[in-house]
């Protein structure tokens, strides 16, 4: 736990959101909403929207929402992970931090390594509801791997400050992009 706490402290200096423009990562997609840190891009041709942020360490975070299929996709880069190859599967521990509370409820998850925009990204598609609650109600998310001795090694993370309003806007955007009725009782 002490190693995890130390790694989490490092997050606040390395993975804080930047005022940098996340649009460069989403090509020519229209911006649906932006608040300075978080940016939402609309993909009506894919019936979804992406919530994105770029950190001061030049890492990218994206949470995609597909309301028709009722799932989220998650992507977080780590430009230092040079030993990994495209398509490789890795197991990472997902940790959410709320104040002094460390939530390890997601446990270990399989992520697929993707080379995206010249960077290595960890991708996990088809995440079920209600993951938006963890993002909206947490201060930080961190991904760890276990070394040979079982000790946690920080892989990636991001400050989630302000994500509650961004998650609400993401849901609105995706419902609109998918051409769904926002009053549909079957959409969460």
C-alpha atoms as a PDB file:
ATOM      1  CA  UNK A   1       0.000   0.000   0.000  1.00  0.00           C
ATOM      2  CA  UNK A   2       2.821   2.374   0.759  1.00  0.00           C
ATOM      3  CA  UNK A   3       4.248   1.906  -2.757  1.00  0.00           C
ATOM      4  CA  UNK A   4       0.818   2.552  -4.256  1.00  0.00           C
ATOM      5  CA  UNK A   5       0.439   5.716  -2.167  1.00  0.00           C
ATOM      6  CA  UNK A   6       3.870   6.952  -3.290  1.00  0.00           C
ATOM      7  CA  UNK A   7       3.048   6.251  -6.928  1.00  0.00           C
ATOM      8  CA  UNK A   8      -0.264   8.064  -6.552  1.00  0.00           C
ATOM      9  CA  UNK A   9       1.480  11.133  -5.206  1.00  0.00           C
ATOM     10  CA  UNK A  10       3.612  11.142  -8.366  1.00  0.00           C
ATOM     11  CA  UNK A  11       0.435  11.248 -10.445  1.00  0.00           C
ATOM     12  CA  UNK A  12      -0.394  14.730  -9.294  1.00  0.00           C
ATOM     13  CA  UNK A  13       2.879  16.030 -10.723  1.00  0.00           C
ATOM     14  CA  UNK A  14       3.069  13.939 -13.895  1.00  0.00           C
ATOM     15  CA  UNK A  15      -0.454  13.273 -15.111  1.00  0.00           C
ATOM     16  CA  UNK A  16      -2.376  16.444 -14.302  1.00  0.00           C
ATOM     17  CA  UNK A  17      -4.573  17.763 -17.108  1.00  0.00           C
ATOM     18  CA  UNK A  18      -3.033  20.348 -19.365  1.00  0.00           C
ATOM     19  CA  UNK A  19      -4.602  23.335 -21.033  1.00  0.00           C
ATOM     20  CA  UNK A  20      -3.079  21.891 -24.215  1.00  0.00           C
ATOM     21  CA  UNK A  21      -5.405  21.234 -27.107  1.00  0.00           C
ATOM     22  CA  UNK A  22      -6.630  17.624 -27.311  1.00  0.00           C
ATOM     23  CA  UNK A  23      -8.085  18.269 -30.779  1.00  0.00           C
ATOM     24  CA  UNK A  24      -4.810  17.357 -32.510  1.00  0.00           C
ATOM     25  CA  UNK A  25      -5.436  13.749 -31.496  1.00  0.00           C
ATOM     26  CA  UNK A  26      -8.927  13.608 -32.945  1.00  0.00           C
ATOM     27  CA  UNK A  27      -8.148  14.785 -36.466  1.00  0.00           C
ATOM     28  CA  UNK A  28     -10.944  16.851 -37.963  1.00  0.00           C
ATOM     29  CA  UNK A  29     -13.742  15.808 -35.620  1.00  0.00           C
ATOM     30  CA  UNK A  30     -16.047  18.570 -34.422  1.00  0.00           C
ATOM     31  CA  UNK A  31     -15.756  19.634 -30.801  1.00  0.00           C
ATOM     32  CA  UNK A  32     -19.083  19.118 -29.052  1.00  0.00           C
ATOM     33  CA  UNK A  33     -18.069  20.559 -25.658  1.00  0.00           C
ATOM     34  CA  UNK A  34     -14.935  21.900 -23.972  1.00  0.00           C
ATOM     35  CA  UNK A  35     -14.128  23.307 -20.548  1.00  0.00           C
ATOM     36  CA  UNK A  36     -10.386  23.947 -20.661  1.00  0.00           C
ATOM     37  CA  UNK A  37      -9.221  20.493 -19.578  1.00  0.00           C
ATOM     38  CA  UNK A  38     -11.836  18.144 -20.981  1.00  0.00           C
ATOM     39  CA  UNK A  39     -12.918  18.056 -24.609  1.00  0.00           C
ATOM     40  CA  UNK A  40     -15.728  16.016 -26.143  1.00  0.00           C
ATOM     41  CA  UNK A  41     -15.631  15.019 -29.808  1.00  0.00           C
ATOM     42  CA  UNK A  42     -18.666  13.802 -31.728  1.00  0.00           C
ATOM     43  CA  UNK A  43     -18.536  10.749 -34.016  1.00  0.00           C
ATOM     44  CA  UNK A  44     -22.064  10.487 -35.496  1.00  0.00           C
ATOM     45  CA  UNK A  45     -20.808   8.053 -38.156  1.00  0.00           C
ATOM     46  CA  UNK A  46     -19.906   5.688 -35.293  1.00  0.00           C
ATOM     47  CA  UNK A  47     -22.920   6.480 -33.043  1.00  0.00           C
ATOM     48  CA  UNK A  48     -20.624   7.655 -30.224  1.00  0.00           C
ATOM     49  CA  UNK A  49     -18.635  10.457 -28.623  1.00  0.00           C
ATOM     50  CA  UNK A  50     -15.191  10.652 -26.975  1.00  0.00           C
ATOM     51  CA  UNK A  51     -14.250  12.478 -23.787  1.00  0.00           C
ATOM     52  CA  UNK A  52     -10.567  13.415 -24.010  1.00  0.00           C
ATOM     53  CA  UNK A  53      -7.838  15.127 -22.046  1.00  0.00           C
ATOM     54  CA  UNK A  54      -4.158  15.741 -22.676  1.00  0.00           C
ATOM     55  CA  UNK A  55      -1.793  15.826 -19.712  1.00  0.00           C
ATOM     56  CA  UNK A  56       1.200  18.082 -19.150  1.00  0.00           C
ATOM     57  CA  UNK A  57       3.335  14.959 -19.699  1.00  0.00           C
ATOM     58  CA  UNK A  58       1.853  14.768 -23.243  1.00  0.00           C
ATOM     59  CA  UNK A  59      -0.207  11.657 -22.477  1.00  0.00           C
ATOM     60  CA  UNK A  60      -3.754  11.253 -23.777  1.00  0.00           C
ATOM     61  CA  UNK A  61      -6.855   9.904 -22.094  1.00  0.00           C
ATOM     62  CA  UNK A  62     -10.057   9.014 -23.932  1.00  0.00           C
ATOM     63  CA  UNK A  63     -13.334   7.589 -22.693  1.00  0.00           C
ATOM     64  CA  UNK A  64     -15.705   6.714 -25.528  1.00  0.00           C
ATOM     65  CA  UNK A  65     -19.424   6.148 -25.016  1.00  0.00           C
ATOM     66  CA  UNK A  66     -21.545   3.995 -27.366  1.00  0.00           C
ATOM     67  CA  UNK A  67     -25.160   4.376 -26.147  1.00  0.00           C
ATOM     68  CA  UNK A  68     -26.721   2.016 -28.732  1.00  0.00           C
ATOM     69  CA  UNK A  69     -24.431  -0.800 -27.636  1.00  0.00           C
ATOM     70  CA  UNK A  70     -24.512   0.361 -23.999  1.00  0.00           C
ATOM     71  CA  UNK A  71     -20.764   0.263 -23.397  1.00  0.00           C
ATOM     72  CA  UNK A  72     -17.739   2.482 -22.904  1.00  0.00           C
ATOM     73  CA  UNK A  73     -14.227   2.210 -24.314  1.00  0.00           C
ATOM     74  CA  UNK A  74     -11.148   3.389 -22.441  1.00  0.00           C
ATOM     75  CA  UNK A  75      -7.750   4.453 -23.769  1.00  0.00           C
ATOM     76  CA  UNK A  76      -4.742   5.918 -21.953  1.00  0.00           C
ATOM     77  CA  UNK A  77      -1.279   6.435 -23.439  1.00  0.00           C
ATOM     78  CA  UNK A  78       2.171   5.867 -21.995  1.00  0.00           C
ATOM     79  CA  UNK A  79       4.955   7.087 -24.268  1.00  0.00           C
ATOM     80  CA  UNK A  80       7.606   5.325 -22.175  1.00  0.00           C
ATOM     81  CA  UNK A  81       6.225   1.807 -22.730  1.00  0.00           C
ATOM     82  CA  UNK A  82       8.569   1.185 -25.669  1.00  0.00           C
ATOM     83  CA  UNK A  83       9.022  -2.566 -25.041  1.00  0.00           C
ATOM     84  CA  UNK A  84       5.386  -3.355 -25.864  1.00  0.00           C
ATOM     85  CA  UNK A  85       4.125  -4.264 -29.328  1.00  0.00           C
ATOM     86  CA  UNK A  86       0.884  -3.442 -31.091  1.00  0.00           C
ATOM     87  CA  UNK A  87      -1.817  -5.984 -30.272  1.00  0.00           C
ATOM     88  CA  UNK A  88      -0.085  -7.325 -27.175  1.00  0.00           C
ATOM     89  CA  UNK A  89      -2.357  -8.013 -24.219  1.00  0.00           C
ATOM     90  CA  UNK A  90      -1.334  -6.830 -20.755  1.00  0.00           C
ATOM     91  CA  UNK A  91      -3.014  -7.143 -17.375  1.00  0.00           C
ATOM     92  CA  UNK A  92      -3.183  -3.925 -15.361  1.00  0.00           C
ATOM     93  CA  UNK A  93      -4.717  -3.077 -12.005  1.00  0.00           C
ATOM     94  CA  UNK A  94      -7.164  -0.171 -12.196  1.00  0.00           C
ATOM     95  CA  UNK A  95      -7.319   2.069  -9.130  1.00  0.00           C
ATOM     96  CA  UNK A  96      -9.640   5.027  -8.493  1.00  0.00           C
ATOM     97  CA  UNK A  97      -8.800   7.554  -5.787  1.00  0.00           C
ATOM     98  CA  UNK A  98     -11.412   9.666  -3.997  1.00  0.00           C
ATOM     99  CA  UNK A  99      -9.805  11.915  -1.393  1.00  0.00           C
ATOM    100  CA  UNK A 100      -7.968   9.498   0.886  1.00  0.00           C
ATOM    101  CA  UNK A 101     -10.019   6.504  -0.283  1.00  0.00           C
ATOM    102  CA  UNK A 102      -8.352   4.078  -2.697  1.00  0.00           C
ATOM    103  CA  UNK A 103     -10.893   2.033  -4.683  1.00  0.00           C
ATOM    104  CA  UNK A 104      -9.422  -1.112  -6.216  1.00  0.00           C
ATOM    105  CA  UNK A 105     -12.881  -2.408  -7.183  1.00  0.00           C
ATOM    106  CA  UNK A 106     -12.054  -2.831 -10.855  1.00  0.00           C
ATOM    107  CA  UNK A 107      -9.206  -5.163  -9.933  1.00  0.00           C
ATOM    108  CA  UNK A 108      -7.037  -6.570 -12.697  1.00  0.00           C
ATOM    109  CA  UNK A 109      -8.228  -5.999 -16.270  1.00  0.00           C
ATOM    110  CA  UNK A 110      -6.876  -7.018 -19.620  1.00  0.00           C
ATOM    111  CA  UNK A 111      -5.830  -4.152 -21.883  1.00  0.00           C
ATOM    112  CA  UNK A 112      -4.728  -4.330 -25.508  1.00  0.00           C
ATOM    113  CA  UNK A 113      -1.645  -2.379 -26.518  1.00  0.00           C
ATOM    114  CA  UNK A 114      -2.228  -0.061 -29.479  1.00  0.00           C
ATOM    115  CA  UNK A 115       0.191   2.177 -31.316  1.00  0.00           C
ATOM    116  CA  UNK A 116      -1.774   5.408 -31.710  1.00  0.00           C
ATOM    117  CA  UNK A 117      -0.387   8.685 -32.985  1.00  0.00           C
ATOM    118  CA  UNK A 118       3.187   7.472 -32.442  1.00  0.00           C
ATOM    119  CA  UNK A 119       2.444   6.566 -28.820  1.00  0.00           C
ATOM    120  CA  UNK A 120       1.684   3.356 -26.988  1.00  0.00           C
ATOM    121  CA  UNK A 121      -1.891   3.249 -25.688  1.00  0.00           C
ATOM    122  CA  UNK A 122      -3.651   0.847 -23.363  1.00  0.00           C
ATOM    123  CA  UNK A 123      -7.131   0.157 -24.664  1.00  0.00           C
ATOM    124  CA  UNK A 124     -10.051  -1.642 -23.084  1.00  0.00           C
ATOM    125  CA  UNK A 125     -13.206  -1.729 -25.198  1.00  0.00           C
ATOM    126  CA  UNK A 126     -16.665  -2.859 -24.156  1.00  0.00           C
ATOM    127  CA  UNK A 127     -16.591  -1.645 -20.567  1.00  0.00           C
ATOM    128  CA  UNK A 128     -20.103  -1.955 -19.122  1.00  0.00           C
ATOM    129  CA  UNK A 129     -22.210   0.592 -17.274  1.00  0.00           C
ATOM    130  CA  UNK A 130     -21.902   2.163 -14.685  1.00  0.00           C
ATOM    131  CA  UNK A 131     -18.217   3.003 -15.124  1.00  0.00           C
ATOM    132  CA  UNK A 132     -19.164   6.630 -15.639  1.00  0.00           C
ATOM    133  CA  UNK A 133     -19.880   6.851 -11.900  1.00  0.00           C
ATOM    134  CA  UNK A 134     -16.297   5.870 -11.029  1.00  0.00           C
ATOM    135  CA  UNK A 135     -14.904   8.502 -13.391  1.00  0.00           C
ATOM    136  CA  UNK A 136     -17.345  11.221 -12.329  1.00  0.00           C
ATOM    137  CA  UNK A 137     -16.891  10.622  -8.598  1.00  0.00           C
ATOM    138  CA  UNK A 138     -13.117  10.121  -8.418  1.00  0.00           C
ATOM    139  CA  UNK A 139     -10.164  12.470  -8.205  1.00  0.00           C
ATOM    140  CA  UNK A 140      -7.665  10.224  -9.998  1.00  0.00           C
ATOM    141  CA  UNK A 141      -7.442   6.993 -11.966  1.00  0.00           C
ATOM    142  CA  UNK A 142      -4.203   5.002 -12.069  1.00  0.00           C
ATOM    143  CA  UNK A 143      -3.119   1.852 -13.870  1.00  0.00           C
ATOM    144  CA  UNK A 144      -0.480  -0.386 -12.300  1.00  0.00           C
ATOM    145  CA  UNK A 145       1.298  -3.542 -13.313  1.00  0.00           C
ATOM    146  CA  UNK A 146       2.774  -6.002 -10.873  1.00  0.00           C
ATOM    147  CA  UNK A 147       6.504  -6.663 -11.035  1.00  0.00           C
ATOM    148  CA  UNK A 148       8.005 -10.127 -10.457  1.00  0.00           C
ATOM    149  CA  UNK A 149       7.855  -9.665  -6.676  1.00  0.00           C
ATOM    150  CA  UNK A 150       4.233  -8.518  -6.805  1.00  0.00           C
ATOM    151  CA  UNK A 151       4.984  -4.857  -6.082  1.00  0.00           C
ATOM    152  CA  UNK A 152       2.871  -2.291  -7.979  1.00  0.00           C
ATOM    153  CA  UNK A 153       4.546  -0.269 -10.743  1.00  0.00           C
ATOM    154  CA  UNK A 154       2.759   2.853 -11.979  1.00  0.00           C
ATOM    155  CA  UNK A 155       2.018   2.605 -15.717  1.00  0.00           C
ATOM    156  CA  UNK A 156      -0.324   5.528 -16.341  1.00  0.00           C
ATOM    157  CA  UNK A 157      -2.870   7.758 -14.712  1.00  0.00           C
ATOM    158  CA  UNK A 158      -4.757  11.008 -14.902  1.00  0.00           C
ATOM    159  CA  UNK A 159      -6.296  13.592 -12.627  1.00  0.00           C
ATOM    160  CA  UNK A 160     -10.092  13.385 -13.005  1.00  0.00           C
ATOM    161  CA  UNK A 161     -10.883  16.845 -11.601  1.00  0.00           C
ATOM    162  CA  UNK A 162     -13.964  18.261 -13.282  1.00  0.00           C
ATOM    163  CA  UNK A 163     -14.895  14.932 -14.853  1.00  0.00           C
ATOM    164  CA  UNK A 164     -18.426  14.851 -13.352  1.00  0.00           C
ATOM    165  CA  UNK A 165     -19.747  17.593 -15.640  1.00  0.00           C
ATOM    166  CA  UNK A 166     -17.701  16.216 -18.542  1.00  0.00           C
ATOM    167  CA  UNK A 167     -19.300  12.759 -18.122  1.00  0.00           C
ATOM    168  CA  UNK A 168     -22.786  14.317 -18.234  1.00  0.00           C
ATOM    169  CA  UNK A 169     -21.881  16.160 -21.450  1.00  0.00           C
ATOM    170  CA  UNK A 170     -20.378  12.964 -22.904  1.00  0.00           C
ATOM    171  CA  UNK A 171     -23.677  11.128 -22.393  1.00  0.00           C
ATOM    172  CA  UNK A 172     -25.659  13.953 -24.030  1.00  0.00           C
ATOM    173  CA  UNK A 173     -23.263  14.074 -26.980  1.00  0.00           C
ATOM    174  CA  UNK A 174     -23.318  10.314 -27.576  1.00  0.00           C
ATOM    175  CA  UNK A 175     -27.110  10.076 -27.376  1.00  0.00           C
ATOM    176  CA  UNK A 176     -27.332  12.896 -29.916  1.00  0.00           C
ATOM    177  CA  UNK A 177     -24.614  11.408 -32.177  1.00  0.00           C
ATOM    178  CA  UNK A 178     -26.426   8.056 -32.189  1.00  0.00           C
ATOM    179  CA  UNK A 179     -29.705   9.759 -33.113  1.00  0.00           C
ATOM    180  CA  UNK A 180     -31.434   8.468 -29.981  1.00  0.00           C
ATOM    181  CA  UNK A 181     -34.209  10.093 -27.996  1.00  0.00           C
ATOM    182  CA  UNK A 182     -32.751  11.585 -24.806  1.00  0.00           C
ATOM    183  CA  UNK A 183     -35.982  10.647 -22.964  1.00  0.00           C
ATOM    184  CA  UNK A 184     -35.650   6.976 -23.894  1.00  0.00           C
ATOM    185  CA  UNK A 185     -36.129   5.073 -20.604  1.00  0.00           C
ATOM    186  CA  UNK A 186     -33.718   2.346 -21.737  1.00  0.00           C
ATOM    187  CA  UNK A 187     -30.726   4.669 -22.069  1.00  0.00           C
ATOM    188  CA  UNK A 188     -28.766   5.291 -18.944  1.00  0.00           C
END
